[in-house]
Amino acid sequence: MGDDDTTNPWPEINPNRRAVWHRGLGRSEKNDEKNKKILLAFDNVKSLPLNSIIIQFWSPVTAIDGRRALSCSRNPFALSHANHRLWKYRTSCVKYYYSLNGSGDARTIIGGPPCTALRHHFPEVVLDLRAHQGTPMVDLALESELSCFMMLPVFKQSGSCIGVIEVSARLPPDLAIIFNELNRKLKIVGFSLTPPQSLCRPCKGVTGDSKSALCEIRMAVSLAVQSHAITLGHVWYPYENRCVRMPKSRTLLCRLASYGAVDNQDDDHLSFVKTFFGNFRVLPLIGRRGEGLIGRTLETHQPHLCRNIYRLSDNRGGPWALLSANVKSCACFVICLRSSHTGELDYAFEFFWPQTRNHLALMEGLLLTLSENLPSFKHVSGAQLGNELPVVDVDTSSSGSGTAERKPIKVVPGGNKLPKVVVTRASVAKRRKIAADLHNDAKVDDLHFSSPPLTIVNNNQDDDDDLVIIIAVYKVYNRLFFLPSSATFEDVTDKIKREFEHELNPVDGTYKISYQVLPGMWHSLTDDTSLKSCVSSYQTSNNIDYIKLYVLPVVE
């Protein structure tokens, strides 16, 4: 409208995500107290307030026919009230149950990720819902322009699981940002998204001289990470979990030690890697033992290198999917070793570094440092650590869904003559401190292991990072939606017709569009040129959270 004048003032709209709880009749005080805490946590999650994200709590209930199921009805939820697609999804969700005992009527979904998360006590993550079309909830999510979700088990301090929180979003990177903030807010009210460590320890301790093996591990990994500026290095060992409150006969990974080289958050471009592993001391192996980078290494006993874990298709379920979806420029190297102190127990040494590093030179220097500081360790085959080593190079460059393997890389420890570790008084003192700490520990399961501090997650968005947020108003109706910055004027008009399909004049649909330049100043949106100007103002301004569009009927 430029100098156009509009007689319709912009209505008061709060498009930010808000938490809601509709308390129903007949609820117990115990459930009310639980839901109040969940509501408070939801309300305090402030990240990405305008993004297409819905958060809702599914809790175990007893249905009319006596079956046990998960329901989100009358439970807290959070969404943008201006996003009518999310409202449609929410109103549909409350009509369904997830059965916990394999039976139910037409409104009951048998099994599914929420039930799996509740039983297994680990998050269930789906990064592409299109691969699971055909189930009611997935189809509803896709219709609402949601492309991914995670189901997060919620734990009390006692260790009991009280239900599952669903976070569904349009963009996969948003999941990790919400996860980290939601976990912090839940801890404030006495809940957590990660099970207590007491429930994650193996029932049988590690046999042999585990203290000596662990002393070598902590010293070697610490020196390797520091001397080669590796973002993160840690060590896992697998075990079959048999704890009463956890699923039986499930292979889990227990993290023994974890060290990060970069402490300055501003200089740490891979901070999400540290944040991710800081949340979990125990993680499940994906499916069969041979899946996932660690699973492959433990199964084949061959070291593996993945140059880009963002494209590692094996990390497609559970917590591991969050890692793959949020780190675009990170490589990972895993090697399996055994110590003479603990017999046939496999240790998986895992290291992360920026994708831009010289992988061959770094592996050669890393293996040299490990060989010098792990005197009791050898390859599973019995070969010494200092020998030439073929490394499986996982190829993620293919556009297919599978992950192929390149020709193995031959790594000679120290082959590139990288600078050796300088032994100073400080490093000697650190060795003594590590040894002293270990001397005071009773057994492996009771050790307190250092974990990288929680850091702010970088929002590594993918091809959708140029989306513009739009709120359009027509008469008394408003809609929040998203379009790429490259959208044409025709795209905008088509989108508005779809968003207001029940409100616009079905006969001729004649209307005009205006966009706000400044408070009280509106310009007409008539073609691609005016749209480009509108989007440019949105992208360059620090004071504009979303584009405001007025849809006005044309008066003949």
Protein backbone atom coordinates (compact mmCIF):
# COMPACT_ATOMS: atom_id res chain seq x y z
CA MET A 1 0.00 0.00 0.00
CA GLY A 2 2.95 2.40 0.34
CA ASP A 3 0.89 5.44 0.78
CA ASP A 4 -2.16 3.19 0.84
CA ASP A 5 -4.19 3.54 3.93
CA THR A 6 -5.74 0.66 5.74
CA THR A 7 -8.69 1.09 8.01
CA ASN A 8 -8.15 -2.32 9.58
CA PRO A 9 -5.73 -2.13 12.53
CA TRP A 10 -3.46 -5.13 13.04
CA PRO A 11 -5.15 -7.33 15.67
CA GLU A 12 -3.45 -8.38 18.87
CA ILE A 13 -1.82 -11.70 18.03
CA ASN A 14 0.62 -13.64 20.19
CA PRO A 15 2.07 -16.18 17.75
CA ASN A 16 4.71 -17.53 20.13
CA ARG A 17 4.42 -21.08 21.38
CA ARG A 18 2.43 -21.29 24.61
CA ALA A 19 1.82 -24.11 27.06
CA VAL A 20 -1.74 -25.19 27.84
CA TRP A 21 -3.36 -27.70 30.17
CA HIS A 22 -7.09 -28.37 30.13
CA ARG A 23 -7.70 -30.05 33.46
CA GLY A 24 -10.48 -32.61 33.16
CA LEU A 25 -12.95 -33.83 35.74
CA GLY A 26 -12.16 -36.83 37.86
CA ARG A 27 -8.39 -36.38 37.79
CA SER A 28 -6.47 -37.40 40.90
CA GLU A 29 -4.40 -34.91 42.89
CA LYS A 30 -1.33 -37.00 42.09
CA ASN A 31 -1.89 -36.59 38.35
CA ASP A 32 -2.66 -32.91 38.82
CA GLU A 33 0.64 -32.33 40.59
CA LYS A 34 2.53 -34.18 37.87
CA ASN A 35 0.81 -32.23 35.10
CA LYS A 36 1.45 -28.91 36.83
CA LYS A 37 5.17 -29.64 36.77
CA ILE A 38 5.07 -30.77 33.14
CA LEU A 39 3.12 -27.62 32.22
CA LEU A 40 5.67 -25.41 33.97
CA ALA A 41 8.54 -27.06 32.10
CA PHE A 42 6.73 -26.69 28.76
CA ASP A 43 5.99 -23.04 29.47
CA ASN A 44 9.67 -22.31 30.19
CA VAL A 45 10.96 -23.76 26.91
CA LYS A 46 11.47 -20.53 24.96
CA SER A 47 13.65 -21.65 22.05
CA LEU A 48 12.27 -21.37 18.49
CA PRO A 49 8.90 -19.93 19.64
CA LEU A 50 7.56 -19.40 16.11
CA ASN A 51 8.80 -22.59 14.50
CA SER A 52 6.39 -25.34 13.59
CA ILE A 53 6.83 -27.38 16.78
CA ILE A 54 4.34 -29.12 19.06
CA ILE A 55 5.19 -30.56 22.48
CA GLN A 56 2.71 -32.81 24.25
CA PHE A 57 2.70 -35.27 27.12
CA TRP A 58 1.45 -38.87 26.75
CA SER A 59 0.74 -40.65 30.04
CA PRO A 60 -0.36 -44.22 30.87
CA VAL A 61 -4.12 -44.52 31.40
CA THR A 62 -6.69 -47.25 31.82
CA ALA A 63 -9.18 -47.16 28.96
CA ILE A 64 -12.90 -47.92 29.30
CA ASP A 65 -12.39 -51.59 28.41
CA GLY A 66 -9.65 -51.91 31.02
CA ARG A 67 -6.67 -51.99 28.68
CA ARG A 68 -3.50 -50.00 29.42
CA ALA A 69 -2.62 -47.34 26.90
CA LEU A 70 -0.91 -43.99 26.39
CA SER A 71 -3.10 -40.91 25.95
CA CYS A 72 -2.39 -37.19 25.53
CA SER A 73 -5.96 -36.13 26.28
CA ARG A 74 -6.27 -33.71 29.22
CA ASN A 75 -2.48 -33.51 29.45
CA PRO A 76 -0.25 -30.44 28.99
CA PHE A 77 0.81 -29.41 25.49
CA ALA A 78 2.57 -26.44 23.87
CA LEU A 79 2.20 -24.97 20.38
CA SER A 80 1.78 -21.69 18.55
CA HIS A 81 -1.88 -20.73 18.76
CA ALA A 82 -1.57 -19.01 15.39
CA ASN A 83 -0.55 -22.23 13.65
CA HIS A 84 -3.88 -23.83 12.79
CA ARG A 85 -2.19 -26.91 11.33
CA LEU A 86 -0.68 -27.72 14.73
CA TRP A 87 -4.09 -27.20 16.34
CA LYS A 88 -5.59 -29.64 13.87
CA TYR A 89 -2.89 -32.19 14.70
CA ARG A 90 -3.44 -31.72 18.44
CA THR A 91 -7.22 -32.12 18.25
CA SER A 92 -6.72 -35.33 16.28
CA CYS A 93 -4.12 -36.74 18.69
CA VAL A 94 -6.47 -36.58 21.68
CA LYS A 95 -8.81 -39.02 19.90
CA TYR A 96 -6.19 -41.79 19.73
CA TYR A 97 -4.53 -44.17 22.18
CA TYR A 98 -1.25 -46.08 21.96
CA SER A 99 -1.92 -49.56 23.29
CA LEU A 100 0.56 -51.00 25.79
CA ASN A 101 -0.81 -54.55 25.66
CA GLY A 102 -1.40 -55.12 21.94
CA SER A 103 -5.18 -54.72 21.74
CA GLY A 104 -7.77 -52.04 21.22
CA ASP A 105 -10.47 -50.57 19.01
CA ALA A 106 -10.30 -48.46 15.83
CA ARG A 107 -8.95 -45.48 17.74
CA THR A 108 -6.10 -47.50 19.22
CA ILE A 109 -2.65 -47.72 17.66
CA ILE A 110 -0.87 -50.95 18.52
CA GLY A 111 2.68 -50.30 19.70
CA GLY A 112 4.59 -47.48 18.05
CA PRO A 113 7.48 -45.19 19.10
CA PRO A 114 5.78 -43.82 22.26
CA CYS A 115 5.32 -47.35 23.63
CA THR A 116 8.87 -48.31 22.67
CA ALA A 117 10.26 -45.23 24.43
CA LEU A 118 8.24 -46.01 27.56
CA ARG A 119 9.40 -49.64 27.68
CA HIS A 120 13.04 -49.19 26.65
CA HIS A 121 13.65 -45.99 28.64
CA PHE A 122 15.45 -44.33 25.72
CA PRO A 123 14.25 -41.71 23.23
CA GLU A 124 12.75 -42.86 19.96
CA VAL A 125 13.53 -40.53 17.06
CA VAL A 126 12.20 -40.47 13.49
CA LEU A 127 13.87 -37.91 11.22
CA ASP A 128 11.76 -38.51 8.11
CA LEU A 129 8.11 -39.36 8.67
CA ARG A 130 7.58 -39.96 4.97
CA ALA A 131 9.22 -43.36 5.40
CA HIS A 132 6.45 -44.36 7.83
CA GLN A 133 3.32 -43.25 5.98
CA GLY A 134 0.22 -45.35 6.44
CA THR A 135 -0.26 -45.05 10.20
CA PRO A 136 -2.85 -42.56 11.52
CA MET A 137 -0.53 -40.38 13.60
CA VAL A 138 2.18 -40.18 10.93
CA ASP A 139 -0.33 -39.25 8.24
CA LEU A 140 -1.80 -36.57 10.51
CA ALA A 141 1.67 -35.17 11.20
CA LEU A 142 2.56 -34.99 7.50
CA GLU A 143 -0.73 -33.24 6.74
CA SER A 144 0.24 -30.69 9.40
CA GLU A 145 3.61 -30.07 7.70
CA LEU A 146 5.53 -31.91 10.42
CA SER A 147 8.38 -34.03 9.10
CA CYS A 148 10.03 -35.54 12.20
CA PHE A 149 9.45 -36.33 15.85
CA MET A 150 11.03 -37.68 19.01
CA MET A 151 9.35 -39.56 21.85
CA LEU A 152 11.10 -38.89 25.15
CA PRO A 153 10.55 -41.00 28.29
CA VAL A 154 10.18 -38.86 31.42
CA PHE A 155 11.66 -40.04 34.73
CA LYS A 156 11.11 -39.13 38.35
CA GLN A 157 14.13 -38.86 40.63
CA SER A 158 13.27 -42.31 41.95
CA GLY A 159 13.85 -43.73 38.48
CA SER A 160 10.25 -44.60 37.56
CA CYS A 161 9.05 -43.59 34.11
CA ILE A 162 5.85 -41.50 34.31
CA GLY A 163 5.10 -41.10 30.60
CA VAL A 164 6.42 -39.89 27.26
CA ILE A 165 6.84 -36.39 25.85
CA GLU A 166 6.32 -36.01 22.11
CA VAL A 167 8.19 -33.28 20.25
CA SER A 168 7.13 -33.07 16.60
CA ALA A 169 8.70 -30.49 14.29
CA ARG A 170 9.04 -29.36 10.73
CA LEU A 171 12.87 -29.26 10.81
CA PRO A 172 15.00 -32.10 12.28
CA PRO A 173 17.66 -29.75 13.78
CA ASP A 174 14.96 -28.19 15.95
CA LEU A 175 14.55 -31.47 17.84
CA ALA A 176 17.95 -31.30 19.52
CA ILE A 177 17.54 -27.66 20.55
CA ILE A 178 14.20 -28.42 22.19
CA PHE A 179 15.57 -31.61 23.78
CA ASN A 180 18.41 -29.82 25.56
CA GLU A 181 16.28 -26.97 26.88
CA LEU A 182 13.37 -29.24 27.81
CA ASN A 183 15.69 -31.52 29.76
CA ARG A 184 17.05 -28.57 31.74
CA LYS A 185 13.57 -27.25 32.53
CA LEU A 186 12.29 -30.69 33.58
CA LYS A 187 15.20 -31.13 36.00
CA ILE A 188 14.14 -27.91 37.73
CA VAL A 189 10.74 -29.45 38.55
CA GLY A 190 12.19 -32.82 39.59
CA PHE A 191 11.94 -34.79 36.32
CA SER A 192 14.48 -35.80 33.69
CA LEU A 193 14.65 -37.13 30.13
CA THR A 194 17.56 -39.45 30.94
CA PRO A 195 17.27 -42.41 33.33
CA PRO A 196 19.14 -42.25 36.65
CA GLN A 197 22.63 -43.73 36.43
CA SER A 198 21.76 -46.25 39.12
CA LEU A 199 19.40 -47.95 36.67
CA CYS A 200 21.98 -48.09 33.91
CA ARG A 201 24.79 -49.99 35.58
CA PRO A 202 25.32 -53.62 34.62
CA CYS A 203 24.36 -56.11 37.28
CA LYS A 204 27.72 -57.85 37.04
CA GLY A 205 30.86 -55.75 37.31
CA VAL A 206 33.78 -55.96 34.90
CA THR A 207 35.99 -58.92 35.74
CA GLY A 208 39.78 -58.75 36.06
CA ASP A 209 41.93 -55.81 37.03
CA SER A 210 39.53 -53.18 35.74
CA LYS A 211 41.14 -50.35 37.72
CA SER A 212 44.47 -50.76 35.92
CA ALA A 213 42.77 -50.89 32.52
CA LEU A 214 40.72 -47.81 33.31
CA CYS A 215 43.80 -45.93 34.52
CA GLU A 216 45.46 -46.51 31.14
CA ILE A 217 42.30 -45.53 29.28
CA ARG A 218 41.79 -42.24 31.06
CA MET A 219 45.42 -41.22 30.72
CA ALA A 220 45.71 -42.21 27.05
CA VAL A 221 42.44 -40.61 25.90
CA SER A 222 43.15 -37.43 27.84
CA LEU A 223 46.61 -37.05 26.31
CA ALA A 224 45.42 -37.97 22.82
CA VAL A 225 42.60 -35.42 22.89
CA GLN A 226 44.82 -32.64 24.20
CA SER A 227 47.89 -33.27 22.05
CA HIS A 228 45.96 -33.60 18.77
CA ALA A 229 43.24 -31.00 19.50
CA ILE A 230 40.47 -33.57 19.09
CA THR A 231 36.99 -32.23 19.78
CA LEU A 232 35.90 -35.21 21.85
CA GLY A 233 37.22 -38.63 22.72
CA HIS A 234 35.61 -41.27 24.87
CA VAL A 235 35.50 -45.01 25.52
CA TRP A 236 32.56 -47.40 25.68
CA TYR A 237 32.10 -51.02 26.60
CA PRO A 238 29.02 -53.14 25.74
CA TYR A 239 27.03 -55.19 28.22
CA GLU A 240 23.74 -57.07 28.38
CA ASN A 241 21.42 -55.15 30.67
CA ARG A 242 19.48 -57.20 33.21
CA CYS A 243 18.26 -54.53 35.59
CA VAL A 244 14.69 -55.01 36.81
CA ARG A 245 13.39 -51.67 35.55
CA MET A 246 15.08 -51.90 32.15
CA PRO A 247 14.30 -54.25 29.22
CA LYS A 248 15.97 -57.61 29.57
CA SER A 249 18.65 -58.92 27.23
CA ARG A 250 19.29 -55.59 25.54
CA THR A 251 22.83 -54.60 24.59
CA LEU A 252 23.76 -51.20 25.99
CA LEU A 253 26.90 -49.11 25.80
CA CYS A 254 28.38 -47.73 29.01
CA ARG A 255 30.61 -44.65 28.68
CA LEU A 256 33.76 -45.07 30.77
CA ALA A 257 35.64 -41.86 30.08
CA SER A 258 35.04 -38.68 28.10
CA TYR A 259 37.38 -35.78 27.34
CA GLY A 260 37.00 -32.67 25.19
CA ALA A 261 39.90 -30.53 23.99
CA VAL A 262 38.03 -27.25 23.50
CA ASP A 263 36.71 -25.48 26.57
CA ASN A 264 35.93 -22.12 24.98
CA GLN A 265 32.34 -22.39 23.85
CA ASP A 266 32.70 -19.62 21.25
CA ASP A 267 35.49 -21.51 19.49
CA ASP A 268 33.86 -24.90 19.70
CA HIS A 269 31.99 -25.43 16.44
CA LEU A 270 31.02 -28.98 17.38
CA SER A 271 29.54 -28.16 20.75
CA PHE A 272 26.44 -30.27 20.08
CA VAL A 273 28.59 -33.42 20.06
CA LYS A 274 29.65 -32.66 23.62
CA THR A 275 26.15 -31.67 24.65
CA PHE A 276 24.68 -34.87 23.24
CA PHE A 277 27.05 -37.21 25.05
CA GLY A 278 26.88 -35.08 28.19
CA ASN A 279 23.23 -36.12 28.48
CA PHE A 280 23.83 -39.86 28.18
CA ARG A 281 26.24 -42.07 30.08
CA VAL A 282 24.50 -45.15 28.68
CA LEU A 283 23.17 -45.55 25.13
CA PRO A 284 21.54 -48.46 23.31
CA LEU A 285 23.18 -50.22 20.41
CA ILE A 286 20.96 -49.79 17.35
CA GLY A 287 19.07 -52.97 16.46
CA ARG A 288 21.53 -55.72 15.79
CA ARG A 289 25.03 -55.40 17.17
CA GLY A 290 26.44 -54.73 13.69
CA GLU A 291 24.52 -51.50 13.09
CA GLY A 292 25.80 -48.01 13.78
CA LEU A 293 29.46 -47.02 13.65
CA ILE A 294 30.25 -48.40 17.11
CA GLY A 295 28.13 -51.48 16.45
CA ARG A 296 29.99 -52.22 13.22
CA THR A 297 33.34 -51.83 14.96
CA LEU A 298 32.39 -54.10 17.86
CA GLU A 299 30.93 -56.69 15.47
CA THR A 300 33.84 -56.83 12.98
CA HIS A 301 36.63 -55.71 15.33
CA GLN A 302 37.82 -53.49 12.47
CA PRO A 303 38.39 -49.75 13.01
CA HIS A 304 35.95 -47.49 11.15
CA LEU A 305 36.18 -43.91 9.92
CA CYS A 306 33.14 -41.86 8.92
CA ARG A 307 34.06 -38.54 7.34
CA ASN A 308 30.60 -37.04 7.81
CA ILE A 309 28.33 -38.44 10.54
CA TYR A 310 25.55 -36.10 9.40
CA ARG A 311 25.01 -38.45 6.45
CA LEU A 312 25.53 -41.72 8.30
CA SER A 313 22.34 -43.61 7.52
CA ASP A 314 23.00 -46.19 10.25
CA ASN A 315 22.24 -43.60 12.94
CA ARG A 316 18.56 -43.74 12.10
CA GLY A 317 16.88 -44.54 15.40
CA GLY A 318 16.90 -43.71 19.06
CA PRO A 319 19.17 -41.03 20.53
CA TRP A 320 21.79 -41.59 17.81
CA ALA A 321 19.48 -40.03 15.22
CA LEU A 322 19.70 -36.69 17.05
CA LEU A 323 23.47 -36.77 16.67
CA SER A 324 23.37 -37.41 12.92
CA ALA A 325 20.69 -34.79 12.32
CA ASN A 326 22.50 -31.91 14.02
CA VAL A 327 26.19 -32.18 13.21
CA LYS A 328 27.04 -31.43 9.59
CA SER A 329 30.79 -31.00 9.67
CA CYS A 330 32.03 -33.73 11.98
CA ALA A 331 34.07 -36.89 11.35
CA CYS A 332 34.18 -39.91 13.64
CA PHE A 333 36.79 -42.62 14.15
CA VAL A 334 36.16 -45.80 16.20
CA ILE A 335 38.61 -48.54 17.10
CA CYS A 336 38.05 -51.71 19.16
CA LEU A 337 40.75 -52.83 21.62
CA ARG A 338 41.19 -55.31 24.45
CA SER A 339 43.26 -55.13 27.60
CA SER A 340 45.18 -58.03 29.13
CA HIS A 341 43.79 -56.81 32.47
CA THR A 342 40.16 -57.56 31.54
CA GLY A 343 40.40 -60.50 29.12
CA GLU A 344 37.89 -60.58 26.27
CA LEU A 345 36.04 -57.39 27.19
CA ASP A 346 35.81 -55.13 24.12
CA TYR A 347 36.46 -51.40 24.47
CA ALA A 348 35.31 -49.02 21.73
CA PHE A 349 37.50 -45.90 21.54
CA GLU A 350 35.54 -43.18 19.74
CA PHE A 351 36.90 -39.81 18.58
CA PHE A 352 35.25 -36.81 16.92
CA TRP A 353 36.96 -33.99 15.02
CA PRO A 354 36.05 -31.36 12.40
CA GLN A 355 35.54 -32.67 8.89
CA THR A 356 38.18 -30.26 7.57
CA ARG A 357 41.05 -31.98 9.40
CA ASN A 358 43.57 -34.27 7.65
CA HIS A 359 41.99 -37.60 8.60
CA LEU A 360 44.97 -39.82 7.69
CA ALA A 361 47.55 -37.72 9.50
CA LEU A 362 45.29 -37.36 12.51
CA MET A 363 44.63 -41.11 12.78
CA GLU A 364 48.36 -41.86 12.48
CA GLY A 365 49.22 -39.41 15.25
CA LEU A 366 46.31 -40.56 17.38
CA LEU A 367 47.22 -44.26 17.13
CA LEU A 368 50.82 -43.46 17.98
CA THR A 369 49.73 -41.65 21.15
CA LEU A 370 47.43 -44.52 22.11
CA SER A 371 50.14 -47.14 21.53
CA GLU A 372 52.53 -45.22 23.79
CA ASN A 373 50.03 -44.94 26.64
CA LEU A 374 48.05 -48.21 26.49
CA PRO A 375 50.71 -50.83 27.34
CA SER A 376 48.19 -53.57 28.20
CA PHE A 377 46.00 -53.02 25.11
CA LYS A 378 46.12 -54.80 21.76
CA HIS A 379 43.85 -55.26 18.78
CA VAL A 380 41.32 -58.07 19.18
CA SER A 381 43.38 -60.10 16.69
CA GLY A 382 46.34 -59.89 19.04
CA ALA A 383 48.29 -57.45 16.86
CA GLN A 384 50.22 -54.68 18.57
CA LEU A 385 48.87 -51.14 18.51
CA GLY A 386 51.93 -49.77 16.71
CA ASN A 387 51.51 -52.01 13.64
CA GLU A 388 50.12 -50.89 10.28
CA LEU A 389 46.34 -50.84 10.48
CA PRO A 390 43.66 -51.05 7.73
CA VAL A 391 40.75 -48.72 8.57
CA VAL A 392 37.30 -49.18 7.02
CA ASP A 393 36.37 -45.91 5.33
CA VAL A 394 32.58 -45.54 5.48
CA ASP A 395 31.34 -43.83 2.33
CA THR A 396 28.45 -41.43 2.94
CA SER A 397 28.75 -39.61 -0.36
CA SER A 398 26.16 -41.77 -2.09
CA SER A 399 22.68 -40.29 -2.40
CA GLY A 400 21.11 -43.67 -1.69
CA SER A 401 19.73 -44.74 1.62
CA GLY A 402 22.49 -47.24 2.25
CA THR A 403 26.02 -46.58 3.46
CA ALA A 404 28.77 -48.12 1.36
CA GLU A 405 32.44 -48.62 2.16
CA ARG A 406 35.47 -47.34 0.30
CA LYS A 407 38.75 -49.18 -0.04
CA PRO A 408 40.30 -49.53 3.44
CA ILE A 409 42.81 -46.87 4.45
CA LYS A 410 46.25 -48.10 5.53
CA VAL A 411 47.29 -46.24 8.64
CA VAL A 412 50.84 -46.37 9.97
CA PRO A 413 51.01 -44.92 13.49
CA GLY A 414 53.34 -41.92 13.39
CA GLY A 415 53.74 -42.25 9.63
CA ASN A 416 53.30 -38.53 8.97
CA LYS A 417 55.73 -37.60 11.73
CA LEU A 418 53.30 -35.37 13.56
CA PRO A 419 54.70 -33.38 16.49
CA LYS A 420 55.16 -35.61 19.49
CA VAL A 421 53.52 -34.85 22.80
CA VAL A 422 55.70 -32.54 24.85
CA VAL A 423 56.07 -33.96 28.35
CA THR A 424 56.04 -31.10 30.82
CA ARG A 425 55.79 -30.89 34.58
CA ALA A 426 52.12 -30.11 34.18
CA SER A 427 51.49 -33.26 32.13
CA VAL A 428 53.43 -35.38 34.62
CA ALA A 429 51.41 -33.87 37.45
CA LYS A 430 48.23 -34.67 35.59
CA ARG A 431 49.36 -38.30 35.19
CA ARG A 432 49.96 -38.52 38.92
CA LYS A 433 46.59 -36.94 39.70
CA ILE A 434 44.75 -39.41 37.46
CA ALA A 435 46.59 -42.32 39.09
CA ALA A 436 45.81 -40.96 42.57
CA ASP A 437 42.14 -40.54 41.73
CA LEU A 438 41.95 -44.12 40.53
CA HIS A 439 43.71 -45.44 43.61
CA ASN A 440 40.92 -44.04 45.78
CA ASP A 441 38.14 -45.64 43.74
CA ALA A 442 36.63 -48.94 44.82
CA LYS A 443 35.40 -50.39 41.52
CA VAL A 444 34.60 -49.43 37.95
CA ASP A 445 30.86 -49.02 38.44
CA ASP A 446 31.36 -46.50 41.25
CA LEU A 447 33.83 -44.27 39.43
CA HIS A 448 32.90 -40.66 38.80
CA PHE A 449 33.83 -39.95 35.21
CA SER A 450 34.35 -36.45 33.85
CA SER A 451 31.89 -35.40 31.15
CA PRO A 452 32.08 -32.36 28.88
CA PRO A 453 30.04 -29.44 30.21
CA LEU A 454 26.68 -28.64 28.69
CA THR A 455 27.07 -26.02 25.98
CA ILE A 456 24.73 -24.08 23.73
CA VAL A 457 23.74 -26.02 20.63
CA ASN A 458 24.47 -24.53 17.24
CA ASN A 459 21.37 -24.51 15.07
CA ASN A 460 22.78 -26.39 12.08
CA GLN A 461 19.76 -26.19 9.85
CA ASP A 462 19.63 -27.80 6.45
CA ASP A 463 18.16 -26.63 3.16
CA ASP A 464 15.16 -25.13 4.97
CA ASP A 465 17.25 -22.55 6.84
CA ASP A 466 15.99 -19.74 4.54
CA LEU A 467 12.35 -20.18 5.48
CA VAL A 468 10.46 -16.97 6.19
CA ILE A 469 7.75 -16.86 8.84
CA ILE A 470 4.49 -15.24 7.79
CA ILE A 471 1.33 -14.33 9.68
CA ALA A 472 -1.61 -13.44 7.47
CA VAL A 473 -4.85 -11.88 8.68
CA TYR A 474 -8.20 -12.02 6.87
CA LYS A 475 -11.15 -10.42 8.66
CA VAL A 476 -11.12 -12.05 12.14
CA TYR A 477 -8.99 -15.03 11.09
CA ASN A 478 -5.23 -15.36 11.23
CA ARG A 479 -2.79 -17.99 10.02
CA LEU A 480 0.88 -18.64 10.71
CA PHE A 481 2.76 -20.41 7.90
CA PHE A 482 6.18 -20.74 6.30
CA LEU A 483 7.56 -20.19 2.79
CA PRO A 484 11.08 -20.34 1.39
CA SER A 485 12.70 -16.96 0.78
CA SER A 486 12.84 -17.86 -2.91
CA ALA A 487 9.03 -18.14 -3.15
CA THR A 488 7.28 -16.24 -5.92
CA PHE A 489 4.25 -13.99 -5.66
CA GLU A 490 2.19 -16.80 -7.14
CA ASP A 491 3.44 -19.12 -4.37
CA VAL A 492 2.25 -16.62 -1.76
CA THR A 493 -1.23 -16.23 -3.27
CA ASP A 494 -1.61 -20.01 -3.65
CA LYS A 495 -0.56 -20.52 -0.05
CA ILE A 496 -3.04 -17.93 1.21
CA LYS A 497 -5.85 -19.57 -0.73
CA ARG A 498 -5.03 -22.91 0.92
CA GLU A 499 -4.67 -21.43 4.40
CA PHE A 500 -8.00 -19.55 4.19
CA GLU A 501 -9.81 -22.03 1.97
CA HIS A 502 -12.90 -21.99 4.20
CA GLU A 503 -12.94 -18.24 4.81
CA LEU A 504 -12.21 -16.64 1.43
CA ASN A 505 -15.05 -15.97 -0.99
CA PRO A 506 -15.58 -19.28 -2.77
CA VAL A 507 -17.21 -17.57 -5.77
CA ASP A 508 -14.55 -15.21 -7.05
CA GLY A 509 -11.93 -15.17 -4.30
CA THR A 510 -11.06 -11.58 -5.22
CA TYR A 511 -8.75 -9.99 -2.68
CA LYS A 512 -5.58 -7.96 -2.37
CA ILE A 513 -2.56 -8.36 -0.10
CA SER A 514 -0.63 -5.75 1.86
CA TYR A 515 2.49 -6.15 3.98
CA GLN A 516 3.64 -4.04 6.90
CA VAL A 517 6.78 -1.98 6.42
CA LEU A 518 6.58 -0.03 9.68
CA PRO A 519 3.86 0.16 12.32
CA GLY A 520 0.95 1.87 10.59
CA MET A 521 2.65 1.82 7.18
CA TRP A 522 1.56 -0.78 4.63
CA HIS A 523 2.67 -1.50 1.09
CA SER A 524 0.77 -3.43 -1.55
CA LEU A 525 2.07 -6.88 -2.40
CA THR A 526 1.33 -7.20 -6.11
CA ASP A 527 4.23 -8.99 -7.83
CA ASP A 528 7.61 -10.67 -7.41
CA THR A 529 9.40 -7.33 -7.09
CA SER A 530 7.34 -6.18 -4.13
CA LEU A 531 7.64 -9.63 -2.56
CA LYS A 532 11.43 -9.51 -2.89
CA SER A 533 11.46 -6.15 -1.13
CA CYS A 534 9.22 -7.54 1.62
CA VAL A 535 11.43 -10.60 2.21
CA SER A 536 14.62 -8.50 2.10
CA SER A 537 13.29 -6.22 4.85
CA TYR A 538 12.43 -9.26 6.95
CA GLN A 539 15.89 -10.82 6.52
CA THR A 540 17.92 -7.68 7.21
CA SER A 541 15.95 -6.33 10.16
CA ASN A 542 16.69 -7.34 13.72
CA ASN A 543 13.29 -6.11 14.87
CA ILE A 544 11.03 -8.15 12.61
CA ASP A 545 10.18 -11.65 13.87
CA TYR A 546 7.75 -12.42 11.07
CA ILE A 547 6.16 -10.90 7.98
CA LYS A 548 2.71 -9.40 8.52
CA LEU A 549 0.27 -9.77 5.64
CA TYR A 550 -3.22 -8.30 5.43
CA VAL A 551 -5.64 -10.06 3.11
CA LEU A 552 -8.33 -7.56 2.13
CA PRO A 553 -11.45 -8.26 0.07
CA VAL A 554 -11.73 -6.12 -3.03
CA VAL A 555 -14.75 -3.84 -2.99
CA GLU A 556 -16.28 -3.55 -6.47
